Protein backbone atom coordinates (compact mmCIF):
# COMPACT_ATOMS: atom_id res chain seq x y z
CA MET A 1 94.61 137.15 79.98
CA THR A 2 92.51 134.53 78.59
CA ARG A 3 91.24 133.33 82.07
CA ARG A 4 90.38 136.83 82.96
CA ARG A 5 88.19 137.33 79.99
CA THR A 6 86.43 133.96 80.47
CA LEU A 7 85.74 134.82 84.24
CA SER A 8 84.48 138.40 83.09
CA PHE A 9 82.19 136.73 80.80
CA LEU A 10 81.00 133.88 82.98
CA ILE A 11 80.26 136.13 86.08
CA PRO A 12 77.29 138.02 84.80
CA ILE A 13 75.71 134.77 83.41
CA LEU A 14 76.08 133.47 86.92
CA LEU A 15 74.58 136.15 88.39
CA LEU A 16 71.58 136.17 86.24
CA LEU A 17 71.06 132.43 86.82
CA ALA A 18 71.35 133.01 90.54
CA ALA A 19 68.93 135.82 90.45
CA GLY A 20 66.50 133.51 88.41
CA LEU A 21 66.84 130.75 90.72
CA GLY A 22 66.14 133.13 93.66
CA ALA A 23 63.04 134.24 92.00
CA ALA A 24 61.81 130.88 91.33
CA ALA A 25 62.47 129.99 94.85
CA TRP A 26 60.85 132.85 96.20
CA ALA A 27 57.79 132.24 94.10
CA GLN A 28 57.82 128.75 95.27
CA LEU A 29 58.21 129.56 98.82
CA PHE A 30 56.60 132.73 99.34
CA ARG A 31 54.24 133.52 96.40
CA PRO A 32 50.58 132.88 97.49
CA LEU A 33 49.45 129.51 96.18
CA GLU A 34 46.38 129.24 94.23
CA VAL A 35 44.28 126.18 95.09
CA ALA A 36 41.00 124.56 94.37
CA VAL A 37 38.58 124.03 97.59
CA VAL A 38 35.61 121.75 98.37
CA ALA A 39 32.13 123.29 97.60
CA VAL A 40 29.47 122.82 99.88
CA GLN A 41 26.83 120.57 98.44
CA ARG A 42 23.13 119.94 99.21
CA ASN A 43 21.10 116.71 98.61
CA VAL A 44 23.89 114.38 98.13
CA PRO A 45 22.83 110.91 97.64
CA ILE A 46 24.52 108.16 99.64
CA GLN A 47 24.68 105.01 97.56
CA VAL A 48 25.88 101.26 97.57
CA PHE A 49 26.76 99.43 94.56
CA GLY A 50 26.24 95.70 93.84
CA LEU A 51 26.43 93.20 90.89
CA GLY A 52 24.01 90.63 90.24
CA THR A 53 21.75 88.84 87.90
CA VAL A 54 18.14 88.78 86.61
CA GLU A 55 16.11 86.17 88.38
CA ALA A 56 12.34 85.31 88.81
CA ARG A 57 10.55 84.96 92.21
CA VAL A 58 8.20 82.54 90.78
CA LEU A 59 9.75 79.96 88.64
CA SER A 60 8.50 76.53 88.20
CA ARG A 61 9.87 73.36 86.80
CA VAL A 62 6.69 71.27 85.82
CA GLY A 63 5.85 67.99 84.67
CA LEU A 64 3.32 65.28 84.82
CA GLU A 65 2.69 63.18 87.88
CA VAL A 66 2.00 59.96 85.99
CA ALA A 67 4.02 58.00 83.52
CA GLY A 68 3.07 57.79 79.86
CA THR A 69 3.70 58.67 76.24
CA LEU A 70 3.49 62.37 75.35
CA ILE A 71 1.00 62.60 72.29
CA GLU A 72 0.21 66.43 72.69
CA LEU A 73 2.38 69.56 72.86
CA HIS A 74 0.95 72.97 72.87
CA ALA A 75 3.61 75.35 74.16
CA ASP A 76 7.25 75.97 73.42
CA PHE A 77 10.14 78.20 74.35
CA GLY A 78 9.30 81.85 74.58
CA ASP A 79 5.37 81.32 74.58
CA ARG A 80 3.29 83.33 76.86
CA VAL A 81 0.42 81.17 78.21
CA ALA A 82 -2.52 82.09 80.37
CA VAL A 83 -3.48 80.27 83.57
CA GLY A 84 -5.21 76.89 82.80
CA THR A 85 -3.89 76.61 79.32
CA LEU A 86 -3.34 73.04 78.16
CA LEU A 87 0.23 72.56 77.84
CA ALA A 88 0.78 68.73 77.24
CA ARG A 89 -1.21 65.44 77.36
CA LEU A 90 -0.07 61.83 77.79
CA ASN A 91 -1.89 58.71 76.32
CA SER A 92 -4.64 58.12 78.67
CA ARG A 93 -6.72 55.32 77.07
CA GLU A 94 -6.08 52.85 79.65
CA GLN A 95 -7.15 55.28 82.38
CA GLU A 96 -10.10 56.42 80.33
CA ALA A 97 -11.36 52.82 80.41
CA ARG A 98 -10.92 52.52 84.17
CA LEU A 99 -12.89 55.92 84.61
CA ALA A 100 -15.63 54.36 82.26
CA GLN A 101 -15.63 51.16 84.46
CA ALA A 102 -15.95 53.24 87.61
CA ARG A 103 -18.88 55.15 86.12
CA ALA A 104 -20.73 52.24 85.16
CA ALA A 105 -20.29 50.99 88.81
CA VAL A 106 -21.93 54.11 89.90
CA ALA A 107 -24.86 53.58 87.61
CA GLN A 108 -25.21 50.18 88.80
CA ALA A 109 -25.15 51.22 92.39
CA GLU A 110 -27.82 53.97 91.79
CA SER A 111 -29.92 51.00 90.07
CA SER A 112 -29.48 49.06 93.27
CA ILE A 113 -30.90 51.93 95.43
CA ARG A 114 -33.89 52.29 93.33
CA GLN A 115 -34.48 48.69 93.57
CA ALA A 116 -33.85 48.52 97.15
CA GLN A 117 -36.24 51.36 97.63
CA ALA A 118 -39.08 49.37 95.64
CA GLY A 119 -38.29 46.60 98.24
CA ILE A 120 -39.28 48.94 100.90
CA GLU A 121 -42.46 49.96 99.32
CA HIS A 122 -43.26 46.01 98.96
CA ALA A 123 -42.37 45.23 102.39
CA GLN A 124 -44.46 48.30 103.72
CA ALA A 125 -47.50 46.90 101.81
CA VAL A 126 -46.96 43.43 103.26
CA VAL A 127 -46.71 44.76 106.69
CA THR A 128 -49.97 46.67 106.37
CA GLN A 129 -51.78 43.75 105.02
CA LYS A 130 -50.46 41.39 107.65
CA ALA A 131 -51.19 44.04 110.31
CA GLN A 132 -54.98 44.00 109.14
CA VAL A 133 -55.13 40.20 109.26
CA ASN A 134 -53.57 40.01 112.77
CA ASP A 135 -55.88 42.54 114.15
CA ARG A 136 -59.02 40.69 112.78
CA ARG A 137 -57.65 37.36 114.09
CA GLN A 138 -56.98 38.97 117.69
CA GLN A 139 -60.49 40.20 117.68
CA LEU A 140 -61.96 36.60 116.62
CA VAL A 141 -60.04 34.72 118.82
CA GLN A 142 -61.47 36.73 121.82
CA ARG A 143 -64.81 35.82 120.64
CA GLY A 144 -64.03 32.23 120.15
CA ASN A 145 -64.59 32.36 116.17
CA VAL A 146 -60.97 31.13 115.31
CA SER A 147 -58.69 29.04 117.05
CA THR A 148 -55.61 30.40 119.32
CA GLU A 149 -53.34 28.76 116.66
CA ALA A 150 -54.71 30.60 113.89
CA ALA A 151 -54.38 33.91 115.83
CA GLU A 152 -50.75 33.20 116.76
CA ASP A 153 -50.14 32.32 113.02
CA ALA A 154 -51.39 35.83 112.15
CA ARG A 155 -49.23 37.56 114.81
CA ALA A 156 -46.08 35.52 113.57
CA ALA A 157 -46.66 36.48 109.96
CA TYR A 158 -47.15 40.13 111.03
CA ASP A 159 -43.89 40.19 112.86
CA ILE A 160 -42.08 38.58 109.90
CA ALA A 161 -43.54 41.20 107.59
CA ARG A 162 -42.23 43.90 109.87
CA ALA A 163 -38.77 42.07 110.02
CA ASP A 164 -38.82 42.12 106.20
CA LEU A 165 -39.44 45.74 106.27
CA THR A 166 -36.52 46.48 108.57
CA GLN A 167 -34.38 44.35 106.17
CA ALA A 168 -35.38 46.36 103.21
CA ARG A 169 -34.60 49.56 104.85
CA SER A 170 -31.28 48.26 105.64
CA ALA A 171 -30.61 47.20 102.13
CA VAL A 172 -31.41 50.83 101.01
CA ASP A 173 -28.75 51.95 103.68
CA SER A 174 -26.18 49.46 102.16
CA ALA A 175 -27.11 50.42 98.78
CA ARG A 176 -26.47 54.16 99.35
CA ALA A 177 -23.11 53.24 101.03
CA ASN A 178 -22.10 51.36 97.91
CA LEU A 179 -23.10 54.27 95.90
CA GLU A 180 -20.92 56.55 97.86
CA GLN A 181 -18.06 54.23 97.63
CA THR A 182 -18.49 53.72 93.67
CA ARG A 183 -18.73 57.57 93.48
CA ALA A 184 -15.59 58.02 95.51
CA ALA A 185 -13.79 55.21 93.34
CA ALA A 186 -15.04 57.21 89.90
CA ALA A 187 -13.78 60.60 91.33
CA PHE A 188 -10.45 58.98 92.15
CA GLU A 189 -10.19 57.54 88.59
CA GLU A 190 -11.43 60.97 87.22
CA ALA A 191 -8.74 62.75 89.27
CA ARG A 192 -5.97 60.38 88.09
CA LEU A 193 -6.99 60.80 84.46
CA ALA A 194 -6.67 64.64 84.94
CA LYS A 195 -3.02 63.97 85.63
CA TYR A 196 -2.57 62.85 82.06
CA SER A 197 -2.88 66.56 81.13
CA LEU A 198 -0.63 69.40 82.09
CA HIS A 199 -1.98 72.84 82.40
CA ALA A 200 -0.41 76.19 83.11
CA PRO A 201 -0.56 76.97 86.88
CA TYR A 202 -0.41 80.86 86.26
CA ASP A 203 -0.03 83.32 83.67
CA ALA A 204 3.51 82.37 82.50
CA VAL A 205 6.25 82.51 80.02
CA VAL A 206 7.83 79.23 78.86
CA VAL A 207 11.46 79.43 79.55
CA SER A 208 12.13 75.79 78.17
CA ARG A 209 10.78 72.60 76.88
CA ASN A 210 12.86 69.60 77.49
CA ARG A 211 10.95 66.67 75.63
CA GLU A 212 9.19 66.19 72.38
CA LEU A 213 6.01 64.21 70.98
CA GLY A 214 6.42 60.47 71.26
CA ALA A 215 8.69 60.64 74.43
CA MET A 216 7.99 58.30 77.16
CA LEU A 217 7.83 60.37 80.45
CA ASN A 218 8.50 59.11 84.20
CA PRO A 219 6.34 60.39 86.76
CA GLY A 220 7.59 63.93 88.10
CA GLU A 221 10.04 64.47 84.92
CA GLN A 222 10.61 68.10 84.07
CA LEU A 223 8.97 68.96 80.92
CA PHE A 224 8.66 72.73 81.04
CA THR A 225 10.23 75.52 82.87
CA LEU A 226 7.81 78.39 83.55
CA VAL A 227 8.27 82.09 84.92
CA ASP A 228 5.79 84.55 86.06
CA PRO A 229 6.83 87.64 84.28
CA LYS A 230 5.32 89.64 86.98
CA THR A 231 7.76 88.56 89.43
CA VAL A 232 10.83 89.01 87.45
CA TRP A 233 13.56 91.00 89.57
CA VAL A 234 17.15 91.73 90.07
CA LEU A 235 19.38 89.55 92.70
CA ALA A 236 22.25 91.83 93.67
CA TYR A 237 25.18 91.07 96.02
CA ILE A 238 26.09 93.97 98.32
CA ASP A 239 29.26 93.80 100.48
CA GLU A 240 28.24 93.46 104.21
CA ALA A 241 30.63 96.43 105.12
CA LYS A 242 28.33 98.66 103.11
CA ALA A 243 25.03 96.92 103.69
CA GLY A 244 24.18 98.43 107.26
CA ARG A 245 21.60 100.98 105.92
CA LEU A 246 19.91 98.80 103.45
CA ALA A 247 15.96 98.81 103.83
CA VAL A 248 13.30 97.49 101.96
CA GLY A 249 11.63 100.10 99.70
CA GLN A 250 14.77 102.06 99.17
CA ARG A 251 15.20 103.45 95.34
CA ALA A 252 17.62 101.83 93.23
CA GLU A 253 19.13 102.32 89.50
CA ILE A 254 19.63 99.08 87.40
CA THR A 255 21.88 98.67 84.53
CA LEU A 256 21.37 95.67 82.26
CA ARG A 257 24.42 94.42 80.35
CA SER A 258 22.28 94.15 77.30
CA PHE A 259 21.27 97.93 77.86
CA ALA A 260 24.48 99.48 78.96
CA ASP A 261 23.64 102.86 77.92
CA ARG A 262 20.29 103.10 79.81
CA ARG A 263 19.61 103.14 83.58
CA PHE A 264 16.23 101.67 84.72
CA SER A 265 14.47 102.71 87.96
CA GLY A 266 13.60 100.32 90.76
CA ARG A 267 12.97 99.60 94.42
CA VAL A 268 14.28 97.09 97.03
CA MET A 269 11.74 94.44 97.64
CA ARG A 270 13.41 91.88 99.94
CA ILE A 271 16.69 91.63 101.77
CA ASP A 272 17.70 88.01 102.55
CA ILE A 273 18.34 87.14 106.39
CA GLU A 274 21.02 84.99 105.26
CA SER A 275 24.16 86.40 103.84
CA ASP A 276 26.70 84.62 101.65
CA ARG A 277 29.18 83.00 104.28
CA VAL A 278 32.09 82.64 101.57
CA ASN A 279 31.99 86.04 99.97
CA GLU A 280 30.58 88.00 102.83
CA GLU A 281 27.76 89.74 100.85
CA ARG A 282 24.18 90.31 101.35
CA LYS A 283 21.42 89.12 98.93
CA VAL A 284 19.28 92.00 97.96
CA TYR A 285 16.40 91.69 95.56
CA VAL A 286 15.42 94.71 93.55
CA ARG A 287 12.31 95.01 91.27
CA CYS A 288 12.72 97.06 88.05
CA ASP A 289 9.84 99.58 87.38
CA ASP A 290 10.46 100.06 83.77
CA CYS A 291 12.76 97.38 82.45
CA PRO A 292 11.93 96.02 78.96
CA ALA A 293 9.15 93.42 78.76
CA ALA A 294 11.73 90.84 77.40
CA PHE A 295 13.77 89.53 79.97
CA HIS A 296 16.61 86.97 80.17
CA LEU A 297 17.31 85.01 83.37
CA GLY A 298 20.83 85.05 84.53
CA GLU A 299 21.62 88.38 82.63
CA GLN A 300 24.28 90.29 84.50
CA ALA A 301 23.06 93.63 85.88
CA GLU A 302 24.61 96.43 88.20
CA VAL A 303 22.42 97.79 91.00
CA VAL A 304 23.18 101.26 92.68
CA ILE A 305 20.76 101.83 95.80
CA ASP A 306 20.19 104.89 97.59
CA ILE A 307 20.48 104.51 101.34
CA ALA A 308 20.68 107.94 102.50
CA GLU A 309 20.78 111.51 101.49
CA LEU A 310 23.08 114.38 103.06
CA ALA A 311 21.02 117.49 103.14
CA VAL A 312 24.18 119.72 103.39
CA ALA A 313 27.75 118.35 103.21
CA GLN A 314 31.48 118.94 102.48
CA LEU A 315 32.71 116.03 100.51
CA VAL A 316 36.52 115.77 100.07
CA PRO A 317 38.14 113.18 97.59
CA GLN A 318 39.96 110.29 99.44
CA ALA A 319 43.03 111.37 97.51
CA ALA A 320 43.13 114.69 98.99
CA VAL A 321 43.34 112.89 102.73
CA LYS A 322 46.59 112.10 104.52
CA GLY A 323 47.00 109.34 107.04
CA LEU A 324 43.33 107.90 106.64
CA GLU A 325 42.62 105.38 109.25
CA GLY A 326 38.93 104.32 109.61
CA GLN A 327 36.96 107.31 110.05
CA ARG A 328 39.73 109.90 110.83
CA GLY A 329 42.42 111.73 108.64
CA ILE A 330 44.23 114.86 107.95
CA VAL A 331 43.11 117.32 105.31
CA TRP A 332 44.70 120.68 104.14
CA THR A 333 42.60 123.86 104.54
CA VAL A 334 42.80 127.52 103.71
CA GLU A 335 42.17 129.55 106.86
CA ASN A 336 42.28 133.38 106.79
CA GLY A 337 44.48 133.23 103.55
CA ARG A 338 47.05 130.95 104.93
CA LEU A 339 47.28 126.99 104.56
CA ALA A 340 46.85 124.72 107.51
CA GLU A 341 46.40 120.97 108.27
CA ARG A 342 43.33 119.80 110.16
CA PRO A 343 42.75 116.41 111.67
CA VAL A 344 39.00 115.76 110.81
CA VAL A 345 36.34 112.99 111.43
CA PHE A 346 34.53 111.61 108.29
CA GLY A 347 30.88 110.42 108.27
CA GLN A 348 29.47 109.01 105.10
CA ARG A 349 31.39 107.86 101.88
CA THR A 350 29.88 108.43 98.49
CA LEU A 351 30.10 105.87 95.83
CA ASP A 352 32.65 107.82 93.94
CA GLY A 353 34.97 107.67 97.10
CA ARG A 354 34.37 111.09 98.60
CA LEU A 355 34.30 111.45 102.26
CA GLU A 356 31.92 113.68 104.42
CA ILE A 357 33.57 115.81 106.98
CA VAL A 358 31.63 115.96 110.02
CA GLU A 359 33.99 117.12 112.78
CA GLY A 360 37.24 119.03 113.07
CA LEU A 361 36.95 121.99 110.86
CA PRO A 362 36.84 125.69 111.99
CA ALA A 363 34.01 127.63 110.82
CA ASP A 364 35.69 129.78 108.10
CA ALA A 365 38.00 127.11 106.89
CA SER A 366 37.96 125.96 103.26
CA VAL A 367 39.15 122.32 102.42
CA VAL A 368 41.75 121.93 99.82
CA LEU A 369 40.36 119.76 96.82
CA LYS A 370 43.94 118.27 95.60
CA LEU A 371 47.28 117.69 97.07
CA ASN A 372 50.37 119.15 95.45
CA SER A 373 53.87 119.92 96.32
CA GLY A 374 53.45 123.54 96.94
CA LEU A 375 51.38 122.93 100.10
CA ARG A 376 53.17 124.08 103.57
CA VAL A 377 51.51 125.09 106.62
CA GLY A 378 51.52 128.91 107.09
CA ARG A 379 51.81 129.62 103.39
CA GLN A 380 49.67 132.29 101.71
CA ALA A 381 46.84 130.96 99.38
CA THR A 382 44.22 132.09 97.23
CA VAL A 383 41.00 130.00 96.34
CA ALA A 384 40.86 129.32 92.53
CA PRO A 385 37.63 130.53 90.97
CA GLU A 386 34.82 127.82 90.81
CA GLY A 387 35.31 125.34 87.79
CA ARG A 388 39.18 125.82 87.67
CA SER A 389 41.66 123.43 89.71
């Protein structure tokens, strides 16, 4: 009797459970499924990402060409210096003495030229006088008024005077050559003296100063590191697999680590011909148009470069693709109110991982945005309102 009562009590409950499970199964299998679909987008940028550092195209490690003791310093870390500014000077007393000696030699050579030119004038006067005497003696010897010996002596004196004139002219030429030599020696000593001073080769920012007053410097030893602030740019490393469409002039967006909340605009200025063989990355240099004036070499930066733009595109998240291999995969679609699977071909990939569908979709098909357990070929489906997924 008790068993009959228990069964009579359980049977309605079991029937209710069966009805509930049946309704749930029907809803799961036959009720139209609401799905979110991919919307057609316009003017979609295709971008590549790279990590890099702030660098400078013009960076100079400068020093002095001669050895000496550092007696003047006129620049320090962080200073901005104009081209030609005196940065440092060595003790140059010995070289100044050599230059003074060379200049004295020039003055002496100039005096020798004046003396030689005076010798020409004297020799010319003697030649003129001897020529006149010789002419008279030759006329007299023809008349028999003087001896032949006297006439020959007059001619010999005239010839000697002319030889002296030639010698005087040669002395002037020699003096002039000596003057050129002493001037060259003086110019050499003056140029060497200039090497005791260091001037800024361009408008620059002093990145570092390595020695202090009183230090003994060797020839070529680095004293300052200078940077041309107009040539500061970002060196970014781009994966070779994504670098095929990179080109000089493309727009870029730069994020500096010290300004993580800001985005700075820039452009690709140079792409190195030689890639990094170890990391398989391409070196790309990007100039920043509106970055802060203060810069820090070596600071980490993120670069996003626009390499193309899709005028019209259907972009599906990679997570909504089945069996993705290369440029092919399978997506779920809604066609005439029912679900279907379609093999498609992909084109470009966006920076956030969405894939452009370029082939394989019927004209009236909508691509499902997310995969879920209710998807089944042939099942009725409705498209969720925009903004709800």
